[in-house]
PDB file of N, CA and C in Angstrom:
ATOM      1  N   UNK A   1      36.705 -15.470  26.518  1.00  0.00           N
ATOM      2  CA  UNK A   1      35.877 -15.310  25.350  1.00  0.00           C
ATOM      3  C   UNK A   1      34.635 -16.196  25.455  1.00  0.00           C
ATOM      4  N   UNK A   2      34.809 -17.415  25.989  1.00  0.00           N
ATOM      5  CA  UNK A   2      33.660 -18.293  26.129  1.00  0.00           C
ATOM      6  C   UNK A   2      32.663 -17.749  27.150  1.00  0.00           C
ATOM      7  N   UNK A   3      33.164 -17.032  28.158  1.00  0.00           N
ATOM      8  CA  UNK A   3      32.278 -16.437  29.149  1.00  0.00           C
ATOM      9  C   UNK A   3      31.424 -15.343  28.504  1.00  0.00           C
ATOM     10  N   UNK A   4      32.031 -14.562  27.599  1.00  0.00           N
ATOM     11  CA  UNK A   4      31.296 -13.523  26.883  1.00  0.00           C
ATOM     12  C   UNK A   4      30.199 -14.142  26.019  1.00  0.00           C
ATOM     13  N   UNK A   5      30.555 -15.189  25.284  1.00  0.00           N
ATOM     14  CA  UNK A   5      29.579 -15.861  24.411  1.00  0.00           C
ATOM     15  C   UNK A   5      28.458 -16.460  25.251  1.00  0.00           C
ATOM     16  N   UNK A   6      28.805 -17.080  26.355  1.00  0.00           N
ATOM     17  CA  UNK A   6      27.791 -17.695  27.207  1.00  0.00           C
ATOM     18  C   UNK A   6      26.871 -16.648  27.824  1.00  0.00           C
ATOM     19  N   UNK A   7      27.408 -15.502  28.208  1.00  0.00           N
ATOM     20  CA  UNK A   7      26.573 -14.488  28.846  1.00  0.00           C
ATOM     21  C   UNK A   7      25.710 -13.724  27.846  1.00  0.00           C
ATOM     22  N   UNK A   8      26.072 -13.741  26.573  1.00  0.00           N
ATOM     23  CA  UNK A   8      25.315 -13.025  25.539  1.00  0.00           C
ATOM     24  C   UNK A   8      24.683 -13.971  24.518  1.00  0.00           C
ATOM     25  N   UNK A   9      24.432 -15.189  24.908  1.00  0.00           N
ATOM     26  CA  UNK A   9      23.897 -16.201  23.983  1.00  0.00           C
ATOM     27  C   UNK A   9      22.552 -15.777  23.394  1.00  0.00           C
ATOM     28  N   UNK A  10      21.694 -15.169  24.181  1.00  0.00           N
ATOM     29  CA  UNK A  10      20.385 -14.730  23.680  1.00  0.00           C
ATOM     30  C   UNK A  10      20.508 -13.712  22.562  1.00  0.00           C
ATOM     31  N   UNK A  11      21.377 -12.719  22.728  1.00  0.00           N
ATOM     32  CA  UNK A  11      21.587 -11.702  21.701  1.00  0.00           C
ATOM     33  C   UNK A  11      22.172 -12.321  20.433  1.00  0.00           C
ATOM     34  N   UNK A  12      23.086 -13.247  20.621  1.00  0.00           N
ATOM     35  CA  UNK A  12      23.722 -13.887  19.474  1.00  0.00           C
ATOM     36  C   UNK A  12      22.705 -14.702  18.682  1.00  0.00           C
ATOM     37  N   UNK A  13      21.870 -15.453  19.358  1.00  0.00           N
ATOM     38  CA  UNK A  13      20.866 -16.283  18.684  1.00  0.00           C
ATOM     39  C   UNK A  13      19.851 -15.409  17.951  1.00  0.00           C
ATOM     40  N   UNK A  14      19.367 -14.367  18.601  1.00  0.00           N
ATOM     41  CA  UNK A  14      18.384 -13.474  17.968  1.00  0.00           C
ATOM     42  C   UNK A  14      18.995 -12.795  16.746  1.00  0.00           C
ATOM     43  N   UNK A  15      20.235 -12.353  16.857  1.00  0.00           N
ATOM     44  CA  UNK A  15      20.905 -11.709  15.728  1.00  0.00           C
ATOM     45  C   UNK A  15      21.064 -12.677  14.561  1.00  0.00           C
ATOM     46  N   UNK A  16      21.467 -13.906  14.839  1.00  0.00           N
ATOM     47  CA  UNK A  16      21.621 -14.895  13.771  1.00  0.00           C
ATOM     48  C   UNK A  16      20.290 -15.218  13.105  1.00  0.00           C
ATOM     49  N   UNK A  17      19.224 -15.316  13.883  1.00  0.00           N
ATOM     50  CA  UNK A  17      17.901 -15.581  13.317  1.00  0.00           C
ATOM     51  C   UNK A  17      17.469 -14.423  12.423  1.00  0.00           C
ATOM     52  N   UNK A  18      17.695 -13.194  12.859  1.00  0.00           N
ATOM     53  CA  UNK A  18      17.330 -12.033  12.043  1.00  0.00           C
ATOM     54  C   UNK A  18      18.146 -11.984  10.751  1.00  0.00           C
ATOM     55  N   UNK A  19      19.423 -12.320  10.832  1.00  0.00           N
ATOM     56  CA  UNK A  19      20.257 -12.348   9.633  1.00  0.00           C
ATOM     57  C   UNK A  19      19.749 -13.403   8.656  1.00  0.00           C
ATOM     58  N   UNK A  20      19.360 -14.561   9.156  1.00  0.00           N
ATOM     59  CA  UNK A  20      18.823 -15.614   8.291  1.00  0.00           C
ATOM     60  C   UNK A  20      17.511 -15.196   7.633  1.00  0.00           C
ATOM     61  N   UNK A  21      16.657 -14.513   8.376  1.00  0.00           N
ATOM     62  CA  UNK A  21      15.377 -14.058   7.813  1.00  0.00           C
ATOM     63  C   UNK A  21      15.614 -13.036   6.712  1.00  0.00           C
ATOM     64  N   UNK A  22      16.489 -12.081   6.944  1.00  0.00           N
ATOM     65  CA  UNK A  22      16.780 -11.060   5.937  1.00  0.00           C
ATOM     66  C   UNK A  22      17.396 -11.702   4.703  1.00  0.00           C
ATOM     67  N   UNK A  23      18.308 -12.649   4.893  1.00  0.00           N
ATOM     68  CA  UNK A  23      18.925 -13.332   3.754  1.00  0.00           C
ATOM     69  C   UNK A  23      17.884 -14.111   2.954  1.00  0.00           C
ATOM     70  N   UNK A  24      16.950 -14.771   3.641  1.00  0.00           N
ATOM     71  CA  UNK A  24      15.904 -15.517   2.942  1.00  0.00           C
ATOM     72  C   UNK A  24      15.007 -14.592   2.125  1.00  0.00           C
ATOM     73  N   UNK A  25      14.681 -13.431   2.662  1.00  0.00           N
ATOM     74  CA  UNK A  25      13.846 -12.467   1.936  1.00  0.00           C
ATOM     75  C   UNK A  25      14.573 -11.970   0.696  1.00  0.00           C
ATOM     76  N   UNK A  26      15.858 -11.678   0.836  1.00  0.00           N
ATOM     77  CA  UNK A  26      16.633 -11.184  -0.304  1.00  0.00           C
ATOM     78  C   UNK A  26      16.734 -12.261  -1.384  1.00  0.00           C
ATOM     79  N   UNK A  27      16.992 -13.498  -0.993  1.00  0.00           N
ATOM     80  CA  UNK A  27      17.081 -14.592  -1.962  1.00  0.00           C
ATOM     81  C   UNK A  27      15.747 -14.773  -2.680  1.00  0.00           C
ATOM     82  N   UNK A  28      14.656 -14.685  -1.950  1.00  0.00           N
ATOM     83  CA  UNK A  28      13.330 -14.828  -2.565  1.00  0.00           C
ATOM     84  C   UNK A  28      13.065 -13.703  -3.566  1.00  0.00           C
ATOM     85  N   UNK A  29      13.423 -12.483  -3.201  1.00  0.00           N
ATOM     86  CA  UNK A  29      13.210 -11.352  -4.106  1.00  0.00           C
ATOM     87  C   UNK A  29      14.036 -11.508  -5.378  1.00  0.00           C
ATOM     88  N   UNK A  30      15.275 -11.956  -5.245  1.00  0.00           N
ATOM     89  CA  UNK A  30      16.129 -12.136  -6.417  1.00  0.00           C
ATOM     90  C   UNK A  30      15.563 -13.224  -7.323  1.00  0.00           C
ATOM     91  N   UNK A  31      15.108 -14.331  -6.740  1.00  0.00           N
ATOM     92  CA  UNK A  31      14.530 -15.421  -7.542  1.00  0.00           C
ATOM     93  C   UNK A  31      13.261 -14.974  -8.256  1.00  0.00           C
ATOM     94  N   UNK A  32      12.407 -14.219  -7.578  1.00  0.00           N
ATOM     95  CA  UNK A  32      11.176 -13.734  -8.212  1.00  0.00           C
ATOM     96  C   UNK A  32      11.503 -12.759  -9.330  1.00  0.00           C
ATOM     97  N   UNK A  33      12.477 -11.906  -9.113  1.00  0.00           N
ATOM     98  CA  UNK A  33      12.842 -10.925 -10.134  1.00  0.00           C
ATOM     99  C   UNK A  33      13.403 -11.620 -11.370  1.00  0.00           C
ATOM    100  N   UNK A  34      14.226 -12.661 -11.160  1.00  0.00           N
ATOM    101  CA  UNK A  34      14.786 -13.397 -12.289  1.00  0.00           C
ATOM    102  C   UNK A  34      13.727 -14.183 -13.044  1.00  0.00           C
ATOM    103  N   UNK A  35      12.669 -14.608 -12.347  1.00  0.00           N
ATOM    104  CA  UNK A  35      11.617 -15.369 -13.010  1.00  0.00           C
ATOM    105  C   UNK A  35      10.619 -14.462 -13.723  1.00  0.00           C
ATOM    106  N   UNK A  36      10.764 -13.139 -13.588  1.00  0.00           N
ATOM    107  CA  UNK A  36       9.913 -12.203 -14.311  1.00  0.00           C
ATOM    108  C   UNK A  36       8.723 -11.703 -13.536  1.00  0.00           C
ATOM    109  N   UNK A  37       8.610 -12.054 -12.285  1.00  0.00           N
ATOM    110  CA  UNK A  37       7.498 -11.563 -11.483  1.00  0.00           C
ATOM    111  C   UNK A  37       7.789 -10.130 -11.051  1.00  0.00           C
ATOM    112  N   UNK A  38       6.729  -9.386 -10.756  1.00  0.00           N
ATOM    113  CA  UNK A  38       6.883  -8.015 -10.324  1.00  0.00           C
ATOM    114  C   UNK A  38       7.468  -7.920  -8.930  1.00  0.00           C
ATOM    115  N   UNK A  39       7.890  -6.738  -8.574  1.00  0.00           N
ATOM    116  CA  UNK A  39       8.510  -6.552  -7.278  1.00  0.00           C
ATOM    117  C   UNK A  39       7.551  -6.235  -6.158  1.00  0.00           C
ATOM    118  N   UNK A  40       6.326  -5.835  -6.489  1.00  0.00           N
ATOM    119  CA  UNK A  40       5.408  -5.419  -5.431  1.00  0.00           C
ATOM    120  C   UNK A  40       4.616  -6.592  -4.857  1.00  0.00           C
ATOM    121  N   UNK A  41       4.519  -7.693  -5.554  1.00  0.00           N
ATOM    122  CA  UNK A  41       3.838  -8.871  -5.049  1.00  0.00           C
ATOM    123  C   UNK A  41       2.342  -8.906  -5.290  1.00  0.00           C
ATOM    124  N   UNK A  42       1.796  -7.889  -5.938  1.00  0.00           N
ATOM    125  CA  UNK A  42       0.348  -7.856  -6.147  1.00  0.00           C
ATOM    126  C   UNK A  42      -0.040  -8.156  -7.592  1.00  0.00           C
ATOM    127  N   UNK A  43       0.909  -8.453  -8.434  1.00  0.00           N
ATOM    128  CA  UNK A  43       0.606  -8.737  -9.824  1.00  0.00           C
ATOM    129  C   UNK A  43       0.548  -7.466 -10.649  1.00  0.00           C
ATOM    130  N   UNK A  44       0.512  -7.609 -11.949  1.00  0.00           N
ATOM    131  CA  UNK A  44       0.578  -6.450 -12.837  1.00  0.00           C
ATOM    132  C   UNK A  44      -0.755  -6.085 -13.469  1.00  0.00           C
ATOM    133  N   UNK A  45      -1.779  -6.895 -13.276  1.00  0.00           N
ATOM    134  CA  UNK A  45      -3.064  -6.595 -13.890  1.00  0.00           C
ATOM    135  C   UNK A  45      -3.635  -5.313 -13.299  1.00  0.00           C
ATOM    136  N   UNK A  46      -3.816  -4.313 -14.123  1.00  0.00           N
ATOM    137  CA  UNK A  46      -4.368  -3.046 -13.684  1.00  0.00           C
ATOM    138  C   UNK A  46      -3.368  -2.125 -13.018  1.00  0.00           C
ATOM    139  N   UNK A  47      -2.104  -2.497 -13.001  1.00  0.00           N
ATOM    140  CA  UNK A  47      -1.079  -1.675 -12.354  1.00  0.00           C
ATOM    141  C   UNK A  47      -0.662  -0.554 -13.295  1.00  0.00           C
ATOM    142  N   UNK A  48      -0.594   0.644 -12.781  1.00  0.00           N
ATOM    143  CA  UNK A  48      -0.214   1.791 -13.598  1.00  0.00           C
ATOM    144  C   UNK A  48       1.262   1.754 -13.986  1.00  0.00           C
ATOM    145  N   UNK A  49       2.081   1.034 -13.245  1.00  0.00           N
ATOM    146  CA  UNK A  49       3.510   0.969 -13.530  1.00  0.00           C
ATOM    147  C   UNK A  49       3.915  -0.262 -14.324  1.00  0.00           C
ATOM    148  N   UNK A  50       2.969  -1.047 -14.814  1.00  0.00           N
ATOM    149  CA  UNK A  50       3.280  -2.261 -15.580  1.00  0.00           C
ATOM    150  C   UNK A  50       4.156  -1.972 -16.801  1.00  0.00           C
ATOM    151  N   UNK A  51       3.939  -0.886 -17.550  1.00  0.00           N
ATOM    152  CA  UNK A  51       4.799  -0.632 -18.710  1.00  0.00           C
ATOM    153  C   UNK A  51       6.257  -0.413 -18.327  1.00  0.00           C
ATOM    154  N   UNK A  52       6.507   0.043 -17.121  1.00  0.00           N
ATOM    155  CA  UNK A  52       7.873   0.306 -16.696  1.00  0.00           C
ATOM    156  C   UNK A  52       8.550  -0.956 -16.168  1.00  0.00           C
ATOM    157  N   UNK A  53       7.802  -1.844 -15.543  1.00  0.00           N
ATOM    158  CA  UNK A  53       8.364  -3.084 -15.012  1.00  0.00           C
ATOM    159  C   UNK A  53       8.570  -4.126 -16.100  1.00  0.00           C
ATOM    160  N   UNK A  54       7.590  -4.272 -16.979  1.00  0.00           N
ATOM    161  CA  UNK A  54       7.598  -5.316 -17.992  1.00  0.00           C
ATOM    162  C   UNK A  54       7.246  -4.736 -19.352  1.00  0.00           C
ATOM    163  N   UNK A  55       8.111  -3.952 -19.954  1.00  0.00           N
ATOM    164  CA  UNK A  55       7.753  -3.322 -21.232  1.00  0.00           C
ATOM    165  C   UNK A  55       7.545  -4.336 -22.362  1.00  0.00           C
ATOM    166  N   UNK A  56       8.140  -5.510 -22.284  1.00  0.00           N
ATOM    167  CA  UNK A  56       7.980  -6.496 -23.352  1.00  0.00           C
ATOM    168  C   UNK A  56       6.606  -7.148 -23.310  1.00  0.00           C
ATOM    169  N   UNK A  57       5.891  -7.086 -22.180  1.00  0.00           N
ATOM    170  CA  UNK A  57       4.583  -7.724 -22.045  1.00  0.00           C
ATOM    171  C   UNK A  57       3.426  -6.767 -22.305  1.00  0.00           C
ATOM    172  N   UNK A  58       3.707  -5.539 -22.614  1.00  0.00           N
ATOM    173  CA  UNK A  58       2.662  -4.528 -22.770  1.00  0.00           C
ATOM    174  C   UNK A  58       2.555  -4.153 -24.237  1.00  0.00           C
ATOM    175  N   UNK A  59       1.322  -4.025 -24.720  1.00  0.00           N
ATOM    176  CA  UNK A  59       1.134  -3.646 -26.120  1.00  0.00           C
ATOM    177  C   UNK A  59       1.577  -2.208 -26.339  1.00  0.00           C
ATOM    178  N   UNK A  60       1.739  -1.822 -27.592  1.00  0.00           N
ATOM    179  CA  UNK A  60       2.198  -0.471 -27.913  1.00  0.00           C
ATOM    180  C   UNK A  60       1.227   0.604 -27.451  1.00  0.00           C
ATOM    181  N   UNK A  61      -0.045   0.281 -27.342  1.00  0.00           N
ATOM    182  CA  UNK A  61      -1.027   1.272 -26.913  1.00  0.00           C
ATOM    183  C   UNK A  61      -0.814   1.679 -25.458  1.00  0.00           C
ATOM    184  N   UNK A  62      -0.167   0.815 -24.677  1.00  0.00           N
ATOM    185  CA  UNK A  62       0.053   1.128 -23.270  1.00  0.00           C
ATOM    186  C   UNK A  62       1.518   1.387 -22.944  1.00  0.00           C
ATOM    187  N   UNK A  63       2.342   1.521 -23.954  1.00  0.00           N
ATOM    188  CA  UNK A  63       3.768   1.737 -23.729  1.00  0.00           C
ATOM    189  C   UNK A  63       4.010   3.163 -23.234  1.00  0.00           C
ATOM    190  N   UNK A  64       5.051   3.340 -22.446  1.00  0.00           N
ATOM    191  CA  UNK A  64       5.364   4.699 -21.981  1.00  0.00           C
ATOM    192  C   UNK A  64       5.629   5.629 -23.157  1.00  0.00           C
ATOM    193  N   UNK A  65       5.087   6.810 -23.102  1.00  0.00           N
ATOM    194  CA  UNK A  65       5.265   7.789 -24.152  1.00  0.00           C
ATOM    195  C   UNK A  65       4.259   7.680 -25.283  1.00  0.00           C
ATOM    196  N   UNK A  66       3.418   6.651 -25.268  1.00  0.00           N
ATOM    197  CA  UNK A  66       2.407   6.496 -26.313  1.00  0.00           C
ATOM    198  C   UNK A  66       1.271   7.490 -26.052  1.00  0.00           C
ATOM    199  N   UNK A  67       0.644   7.982 -27.103  1.00  0.00           N
ATOM    200  CA  UNK A  67      -0.460   8.917 -26.897  1.00  0.00           C
ATOM    201  C   UNK A  67      -1.632   8.228 -26.199  1.00  0.00           C
ATOM    202  N   UNK A  68      -2.245   8.941 -25.268  1.00  0.00           N
ATOM    203  CA  UNK A  68      -3.366   8.396 -24.508  1.00  0.00           C
ATOM    204  C   UNK A  68      -4.628   8.460 -25.345  1.00  0.00           C
ATOM    205  N   UNK A  69      -5.419   7.451 -25.245  1.00  0.00           N
ATOM    206  CA  UNK A  69      -6.666   7.364 -26.016  1.00  0.00           C
ATOM    207  C   UNK A  69      -7.826   7.816 -25.160  1.00  0.00           C
TER     208      UNK A  69
END
């Protein structure tokens, strides 16, 4: 078993690094979502989907289903 690990050490290290990167991205996304930030990373100013992401922060004039002015 140690011979297998020694002969495939490069693959094992690369796989572990990729797993750590993916886990870090997921943790960051969860923390941002819990703090109320949007999911796209570009902010909500001028975003057409802002009423759907943050309905509590949008006035009634811009709420989904409201008549367009």
